[in-house]
Structures are given as structure tokens and as C-alpha cells.
Amino acid sequence: MSYATIEQYEARYGAVSDEFMLQECLDDSSAVIRAALDRAGIDYSNPSEELADRLMRVCRSMTNRVIPTENELPQGVTSASMGAVGFSETFNFATTYGTPKLIKSEMDLLGIGGKIGVARPSYGVLEPRDA
């Protein structure tokens, strides 16, 4: 089960030529979302209208980062070099693409992640000085 439909994805990001691949990417993103919600202990079995909308938005956002683009350069490229005679191409990415991952803003939208607390190592016991 996917949290976003092909129609919802295409309404936001435009048409995709391979709808079978798009559906697989939506399903993959949904599986990652479910795993994150399970770890956070959030019940998503019967989502409210608001949670369902958030799940859809996060699902299509994650999918857009992993679905191949029809441009000459893959999505997420930070630098590219191309040769001429040797027909070589090299792409460098800032992060791994191809596997859906939740980013901080998406986790915030779903109400997961964030800091629980702060720990600071002890530097010794503070004692009043003898005067």
C-alpha cells in the first residue's frame, strides 16, 4: 500500500513516462515511512485526514528524490565531468540516491525524530571554594 497515488505525484511533480517504476518507488517510500513510524511507536493503521495528507506529501517528496529524471544529469548531482574521445562520464552525489530516506523536514512533518535530550560529560564535581 502506497501513501501517495500516481495522480497525486504527477499533480505535484509532473508526468512520468514509466508509471510502473513510479508505483514501485512510491511503494518503497511508503515502506520506509512505515518502518520509521513503527520505530517511533506511532499508530498509522487508521490515520486521521491530517495524518493521511502528511503521509502523502512525505511519500511523494521522498519518491521525487529517488526517481530517475529525464534530464541529462541525474537528480542530486553535485559535480559532473564528461570526456569526449573516451566517452566517459563521472557524477558525484552529496548523498546516496536510489534508496528512499527521510530527511529532517519530513520527520518533523510526521512528528518523529528530533532531540529527546542533551547529555554533557561531567567535568568534575563543583564544590564551593574554601575561603
N, C-alpha and C. Protein backbone atom coordinates (compact mmCIF):
# COMPACT_ATOMS: atom_id res chain seq x y z
N MET A 1 0.84 -1.18 0.00
CA MET A 1 0.00 0.00 0.00
C MET A 1 0.89 1.25 0.00
N SER A 2 0.57 2.14 -0.88
CA SER A 2 1.33 3.37 -1.01
C SER A 2 0.55 4.53 -0.41
N TYR A 3 1.24 5.48 0.21
CA TYR A 3 0.58 6.64 0.79
C TYR A 3 0.24 7.71 -0.23
N ALA A 4 0.82 7.63 -1.42
CA ALA A 4 0.53 8.58 -2.48
C ALA A 4 0.20 7.81 -3.76
N THR A 5 -0.69 8.36 -4.53
CA THR A 5 -1.05 7.75 -5.81
C THR A 5 -0.20 8.35 -6.92
N ILE A 6 -0.21 7.68 -8.05
CA ILE A 6 0.49 8.21 -9.22
C ILE A 6 -0.06 9.58 -9.58
N GLU A 7 -1.37 9.73 -9.49
CA GLU A 7 -2.02 11.01 -9.83
C GLU A 7 -1.57 12.12 -8.88
N GLN A 8 -1.46 11.81 -7.59
CA GLN A 8 -1.01 12.82 -6.62
C GLN A 8 0.44 13.20 -6.89
N TYR A 9 1.27 12.22 -7.22
CA TYR A 9 2.67 12.52 -7.53
C TYR A 9 2.76 13.41 -8.77
N GLU A 10 2.05 13.03 -9.83
CA GLU A 10 2.13 13.78 -11.09
C GLU A 10 1.50 15.16 -10.98
N ALA A 11 0.53 15.34 -10.07
CA ALA A 11 -0.05 16.66 -9.86
C ALA A 11 0.99 17.62 -9.28
N ARG A 12 1.92 17.09 -8.50
CA ARG A 12 2.95 17.93 -7.86
C ARG A 12 4.22 18.04 -8.71
N TYR A 13 4.66 16.95 -9.31
CA TYR A 13 5.97 16.93 -9.96
C TYR A 13 5.92 16.73 -11.48
N GLY A 14 4.76 16.52 -12.04
CA GLY A 14 4.66 16.33 -13.49
C GLY A 14 4.61 14.86 -13.87
N ALA A 15 4.27 14.65 -15.13
CA ALA A 15 4.09 13.29 -15.64
C ALA A 15 5.41 12.52 -15.68
N VAL A 16 5.29 11.22 -15.45
CA VAL A 16 6.42 10.30 -15.51
C VAL A 16 6.11 9.28 -16.58
N SER A 17 7.06 9.00 -17.45
CA SER A 17 6.81 8.09 -18.58
C SER A 17 6.62 6.64 -18.14
N ASP A 18 7.30 6.21 -17.10
CA ASP A 18 7.20 4.82 -16.65
C ASP A 18 6.42 4.76 -15.35
N GLU A 19 5.10 4.57 -15.46
CA GLU A 19 4.24 4.56 -14.27
C GLU A 19 4.46 3.34 -13.40
N PHE A 20 4.89 2.23 -13.98
CA PHE A 20 5.19 1.03 -13.19
C PHE A 20 6.36 1.32 -12.25
N MET A 21 7.41 1.96 -12.76
CA MET A 21 8.56 2.32 -11.93
C MET A 21 8.14 3.34 -10.87
N LEU A 22 7.31 4.31 -11.24
CA LEU A 22 6.84 5.30 -10.29
C LEU A 22 6.09 4.63 -9.14
N GLN A 23 5.22 3.68 -9.46
CA GLN A 23 4.47 2.99 -8.41
C GLN A 23 5.41 2.21 -7.48
N GLU A 24 6.43 1.58 -8.04
CA GLU A 24 7.40 0.87 -7.21
C GLU A 24 8.13 1.83 -6.28
N CYS A 25 8.51 3.00 -6.78
CA CYS A 25 9.19 3.99 -5.95
C CYS A 25 8.27 4.51 -4.85
N LEU A 26 6.98 4.73 -5.16
CA LEU A 26 6.01 5.16 -4.16
C LEU A 26 5.86 4.09 -3.08
N ASP A 27 5.82 2.82 -3.50
CA ASP A 27 5.72 1.72 -2.54
C ASP A 27 6.96 1.64 -1.65
N ASP A 28 8.14 1.81 -2.24
CA ASP A 28 9.38 1.79 -1.46
C ASP A 28 9.40 2.92 -0.42
N SER A 29 9.00 4.11 -0.84
CA SER A 29 8.97 5.25 0.08
C SER A 29 7.98 5.00 1.21
N SER A 30 6.84 4.42 0.88
CA SER A 30 5.83 4.11 1.90
C SER A 30 6.35 3.10 2.91
N ALA A 31 7.10 2.11 2.45
CA ALA A 31 7.67 1.12 3.35
C ALA A 31 8.66 1.76 4.32
N VAL A 32 9.47 2.70 3.84
CA VAL A 32 10.42 3.40 4.71
C VAL A 32 9.66 4.24 5.74
N ILE A 33 8.59 4.88 5.32
CA ILE A 33 7.77 5.68 6.25
C ILE A 33 7.17 4.79 7.33
N ARG A 34 6.61 3.65 6.94
CA ARG A 34 6.01 2.73 7.91
C ARG A 34 7.04 2.25 8.93
N ALA A 35 8.24 1.94 8.46
CA ALA A 35 9.30 1.48 9.37
C ALA A 35 9.67 2.58 10.36
N ALA A 36 9.74 3.82 9.91
CA ALA A 36 10.08 4.94 10.80
C ALA A 36 8.96 5.17 11.81
N LEU A 37 7.71 5.07 11.38
CA LEU A 37 6.59 5.24 12.30
C LEU A 37 6.54 4.12 13.32
N ASP A 38 6.86 2.89 12.89
CA ASP A 38 6.92 1.76 13.81
C ASP A 38 7.97 2.00 14.89
N ARG A 39 9.17 2.46 14.48
CA ARG A 39 10.25 2.73 15.45
C ARG A 39 9.84 3.81 16.44
N ALA A 40 9.05 4.79 15.96
CA ALA A 40 8.63 5.89 16.83
C ALA A 40 7.40 5.53 17.66
N GLY A 41 6.79 4.37 17.41
CA GLY A 41 5.61 3.96 18.16
C GLY A 41 4.35 4.71 17.77
N ILE A 42 4.29 5.20 16.54
CA ILE A 42 3.12 5.96 16.07
C ILE A 42 2.19 5.00 15.33
N ASP A 43 0.91 5.00 15.72
CA ASP A 43 -0.09 4.16 15.09
C ASP A 43 -0.58 4.83 13.81
N TYR A 44 -0.39 4.20 12.70
CA TYR A 44 -0.79 4.74 11.40
C TYR A 44 -1.85 3.87 10.74
N SER A 45 -2.40 2.90 11.48
CA SER A 45 -3.34 1.95 10.90
C SER A 45 -4.64 2.61 10.45
N ASN A 46 -5.09 3.63 11.15
CA ASN A 46 -6.31 4.34 10.78
C ASN A 46 -6.02 5.84 10.88
N PRO A 47 -5.26 6.41 9.92
CA PRO A 47 -4.81 7.79 10.05
C PRO A 47 -5.96 8.79 9.92
N SER A 48 -5.84 9.87 10.68
CA SER A 48 -6.78 10.98 10.52
C SER A 48 -6.57 11.60 9.15
N GLU A 49 -7.46 12.48 8.77
CA GLU A 49 -7.33 13.15 7.46
C GLU A 49 -6.03 13.94 7.39
N GLU A 50 -5.67 14.59 8.49
CA GLU A 50 -4.44 15.38 8.52
C GLU A 50 -3.20 14.50 8.39
N LEU A 51 -3.17 13.39 9.14
CA LEU A 51 -2.02 12.48 9.05
C LEU A 51 -1.93 11.85 7.67
N ALA A 52 -3.05 11.48 7.09
CA ALA A 52 -3.05 10.90 5.74
C ALA A 52 -2.48 11.88 4.73
N ASP A 53 -2.82 13.17 4.88
CA ASP A 53 -2.28 14.20 3.98
C ASP A 53 -0.78 14.34 4.16
N ARG A 54 -0.32 14.32 5.40
CA ARG A 54 1.12 14.41 5.67
C ARG A 54 1.86 13.19 5.11
N LEU A 55 1.28 12.01 5.30
CA LEU A 55 1.90 10.79 4.76
C LEU A 55 2.02 10.87 3.24
N MET A 56 0.99 11.38 2.58
CA MET A 56 1.01 11.52 1.12
C MET A 56 2.11 12.49 0.69
N ARG A 57 2.20 13.62 1.36
CA ARG A 57 3.20 14.63 0.99
C ARG A 57 4.62 14.12 1.18
N VAL A 58 4.86 13.44 2.28
CA VAL A 58 6.19 12.90 2.55
C VAL A 58 6.52 11.80 1.54
N CYS A 59 5.55 10.95 1.25
CA CYS A 59 5.78 9.85 0.30
C CYS A 59 6.17 10.37 -1.08
N ARG A 60 5.44 11.35 -1.58
CA ARG A 60 5.77 11.84 -2.93
C ARG A 60 7.06 12.65 -2.93
N SER A 61 7.37 13.33 -1.82
CA SER A 61 8.64 14.06 -1.73
C SER A 61 9.82 13.10 -1.75
N MET A 62 9.73 12.02 -0.95
CA MET A 62 10.80 11.01 -0.94
C MET A 62 10.95 10.37 -2.31
N THR A 63 9.84 10.07 -2.93
CA THR A 63 9.87 9.42 -4.25
C THR A 63 10.51 10.33 -5.28
N ASN A 64 10.23 11.62 -5.21
CA ASN A 64 10.81 12.55 -6.18
C ASN A 64 12.33 12.58 -6.09
N ARG A 65 12.88 12.35 -4.91
CA ARG A 65 14.34 12.35 -4.77
C ARG A 65 14.99 11.10 -5.35
N VAL A 66 14.26 9.99 -5.44
CA VAL A 66 14.88 8.76 -5.90
C VAL A 66 14.51 8.36 -7.33
N ILE A 67 13.46 8.95 -7.87
CA ILE A 67 13.04 8.55 -9.21
C ILE A 67 14.00 9.17 -10.23
N PRO A 68 14.42 8.39 -11.21
CA PRO A 68 15.33 8.94 -12.23
C PRO A 68 14.66 10.08 -13.00
N THR A 69 15.44 11.09 -13.31
CA THR A 69 14.92 12.21 -14.08
C THR A 69 15.19 11.98 -15.56
N GLU A 70 14.50 12.73 -16.38
CA GLU A 70 14.69 12.59 -17.82
C GLU A 70 15.69 13.62 -18.34
N ASN A 71 16.36 14.32 -17.43
CA ASN A 71 17.39 15.28 -17.82
C ASN A 71 18.68 14.53 -18.14
N GLU A 72 19.63 15.26 -18.65
CA GLU A 72 20.92 14.65 -18.94
C GLU A 72 21.67 14.27 -17.67
N LEU A 73 21.47 15.05 -16.61
CA LEU A 73 22.16 14.78 -15.35
C LEU A 73 21.18 14.16 -14.36
N PRO A 74 21.62 13.15 -13.63
CA PRO A 74 20.76 12.56 -12.61
C PRO A 74 20.46 13.55 -11.49
N GLN A 75 19.33 13.38 -10.83
CA GLN A 75 18.96 14.24 -9.72
C GLN A 75 19.94 14.05 -8.57
N GLY A 76 20.34 15.16 -7.94
CA GLY A 76 21.23 15.09 -6.79
C GLY A 76 22.70 15.22 -7.12
N VAL A 77 23.04 15.44 -8.38
CA VAL A 77 24.44 15.56 -8.77
C VAL A 77 25.01 16.86 -8.24
N THR A 78 26.18 16.79 -7.58
CA THR A 78 26.85 17.99 -7.11
C THR A 78 27.97 18.42 -8.04
N SER A 79 28.54 17.47 -8.79
CA SER A 79 29.53 17.80 -9.81
C SER A 79 29.54 16.71 -10.87
N ALA A 80 29.88 17.11 -12.07
CA ALA A 80 29.90 16.15 -13.18
C ALA A 80 31.08 16.49 -14.08
N SER A 81 31.69 15.45 -14.62
CA SER A 81 32.74 15.66 -15.63
C SER A 81 32.46 14.72 -16.78
N MET A 82 32.71 15.21 -17.97
CA MET A 82 32.43 14.43 -19.16
C MET A 82 33.62 14.51 -20.10
N GLY A 83 33.97 13.39 -20.68
CA GLY A 83 35.05 13.34 -21.65
C GLY A 83 34.50 13.42 -23.06
N ALA A 84 35.38 13.37 -24.03
CA ALA A 84 34.92 13.44 -25.41
C ALA A 84 35.31 12.18 -26.17
N VAL A 85 36.58 11.95 -26.34
CA VAL A 85 37.02 10.82 -27.15
C VAL A 85 36.83 9.50 -26.41
N GLY A 86 37.10 9.50 -25.11
CA GLY A 86 36.96 8.28 -24.32
C GLY A 86 35.53 7.99 -23.90
N PHE A 87 34.59 8.90 -24.18
CA PHE A 87 33.18 8.74 -23.82
C PHE A 87 32.99 8.40 -22.35
N SER A 88 33.64 9.13 -21.49
CA SER A 88 33.49 8.86 -20.06
C SER A 88 32.65 9.95 -19.40
N GLU A 89 31.89 9.55 -18.41
CA GLU A 89 31.11 10.47 -17.59
C GLU A 89 31.33 10.10 -16.13
N THR A 90 31.43 11.12 -15.29
CA THR A 90 31.58 10.89 -13.86
C THR A 90 30.63 11.84 -13.14
N PHE A 91 29.87 11.29 -12.21
CA PHE A 91 28.96 12.09 -11.42
C PHE A 91 29.30 11.91 -9.95
N ASN A 92 29.25 13.00 -9.19
CA ASN A 92 29.43 12.95 -7.74
C ASN A 92 28.14 13.41 -7.09
N PHE A 93 27.72 12.67 -6.07
CA PHE A 93 26.49 12.98 -5.36
C PHE A 93 26.81 13.38 -3.93
N ALA A 94 26.01 14.31 -3.38
CA ALA A 94 26.20 14.71 -1.98
C ALA A 94 25.74 13.60 -1.05
N THR A 95 24.68 12.91 -1.42
CA THR A 95 24.14 11.82 -0.60
C THR A 95 23.81 10.65 -1.52
N THR A 96 23.49 9.53 -0.92
CA THR A 96 23.12 8.36 -1.70
C THR A 96 21.73 8.55 -2.28
N TYR A 97 21.61 8.34 -3.57
CA TYR A 97 20.31 8.41 -4.23
C TYR A 97 19.93 7.01 -4.67
N GLY A 98 18.67 6.77 -4.83
CA GLY A 98 18.20 5.47 -5.24
C GLY A 98 17.49 4.74 -4.12
N THR A 99 17.83 5.04 -2.89
CA THR A 99 17.18 4.45 -1.74
C THR A 99 16.43 5.55 -1.01
N PRO A 100 15.12 5.39 -0.82
CA PRO A 100 14.37 6.45 -0.14
C PRO A 100 14.84 6.64 1.30
N LYS A 101 15.01 7.89 1.68
CA LYS A 101 15.42 8.24 3.04
C LYS A 101 14.60 9.44 3.49
N LEU A 102 14.20 9.41 4.75
CA LEU A 102 13.50 10.55 5.33
C LEU A 102 14.51 11.63 5.68
N ILE A 103 14.21 12.86 5.32
CA ILE A 103 15.05 13.98 5.73
C ILE A 103 14.39 14.65 6.94
N LYS A 104 15.12 15.53 7.59
CA LYS A 104 14.66 16.13 8.84
C LYS A 104 13.30 16.80 8.69
N SER A 105 13.08 17.56 7.64
CA SER A 105 11.80 18.27 7.49
C SER A 105 10.64 17.28 7.35
N GLU A 106 10.89 16.13 6.72
CA GLU A 106 9.84 15.13 6.59
C GLU A 106 9.56 14.45 7.93
N MET A 107 10.61 14.17 8.69
CA MET A 107 10.40 13.58 10.01
C MET A 107 9.64 14.56 10.91
N ASP A 108 9.96 15.85 10.81
CA ASP A 108 9.23 16.86 11.57
C ASP A 108 7.75 16.88 11.17
N LEU A 109 7.48 16.77 9.88
CA LEU A 109 6.10 16.75 9.39
C LEU A 109 5.33 15.56 9.94
N LEU A 110 6.01 14.44 10.11
CA LEU A 110 5.37 13.23 10.63
C LEU A 110 5.38 13.16 12.16
N GLY A 111 6.08 14.09 12.79
CA GLY A 111 6.13 14.11 14.25
C GLY A 111 7.09 13.10 14.84
N ILE A 112 8.13 12.76 14.09
CA ILE A 112 9.14 11.82 14.60
C ILE A 112 10.51 12.47 14.51
N GLY A 113 11.47 11.86 15.18
CA GLY A 113 12.83 12.39 15.15
C GLY A 113 12.99 13.52 16.14
N GLY A 114 13.97 14.31 15.92
CA GLY A 114 14.24 15.41 16.83
C GLY A 114 15.02 14.95 18.04
N LYS A 115 15.37 15.90 18.87
CA LYS A 115 16.17 15.60 20.06
C LYS A 115 15.26 15.20 21.21
N ILE A 116 15.69 14.23 21.94
CA ILE A 116 14.99 13.82 23.15
C ILE A 116 15.57 14.56 24.34
N GLY A 117 16.84 14.74 24.34
CA GLY A 117 17.51 15.42 25.44
C GLY A 117 18.95 15.69 25.07
N VAL A 118 19.67 16.27 25.99
CA VAL A 118 21.07 16.60 25.76
C VAL A 118 21.88 16.00 26.88
N ALA A 119 22.98 15.39 26.54
CA ALA A 119 23.89 14.85 27.55
C ALA A 119 25.20 15.61 27.49
N ARG A 120 25.75 15.90 28.65
CA ARG A 120 27.03 16.58 28.71
C ARG A 120 27.93 15.81 29.65
N PRO A 121 29.11 15.49 29.21
CA PRO A 121 30.00 14.74 30.11
C PRO A 121 30.34 15.56 31.34
N SER A 122 30.52 14.87 32.43
CA SER A 122 30.85 15.54 33.69
C SER A 122 32.31 15.99 33.66
N TYR A 123 32.53 17.19 34.10
CA TYR A 123 33.90 17.72 34.16
C TYR A 123 34.41 17.73 35.59
N GLY A 124 33.73 17.06 36.47
CA GLY A 124 34.13 17.04 37.86
C GLY A 124 33.00 17.59 38.71
N VAL A 125 33.18 17.47 39.97
CA VAL A 125 32.15 17.92 40.91
C VAL A 125 32.42 19.38 41.25
N LEU A 126 31.37 20.17 41.15
CA LEU A 126 31.51 21.56 41.52
C LEU A 126 31.32 21.70 43.02
N GLU A 127 32.33 22.23 43.67
CA GLU A 127 32.27 22.41 45.12
C GLU A 127 32.59 23.85 45.45
N PRO A 128 31.95 24.36 46.50
CA PRO A 128 32.28 25.74 46.87
C PRO A 128 33.71 25.82 47.37
N ARG A 129 34.36 26.89 47.04
CA ARG A 129 35.75 27.08 47.47
C ARG A 129 35.78 27.46 48.95
N ASP A 130 36.80 26.95 49.60
CA ASP A 130 37.01 27.34 50.99
C ASP A 130 37.68 28.71 51.01
N ALA A 131 37.14 29.64 51.76
CA ALA A 131 37.73 30.97 51.82
C ALA A 131 38.54 31.17 53.06
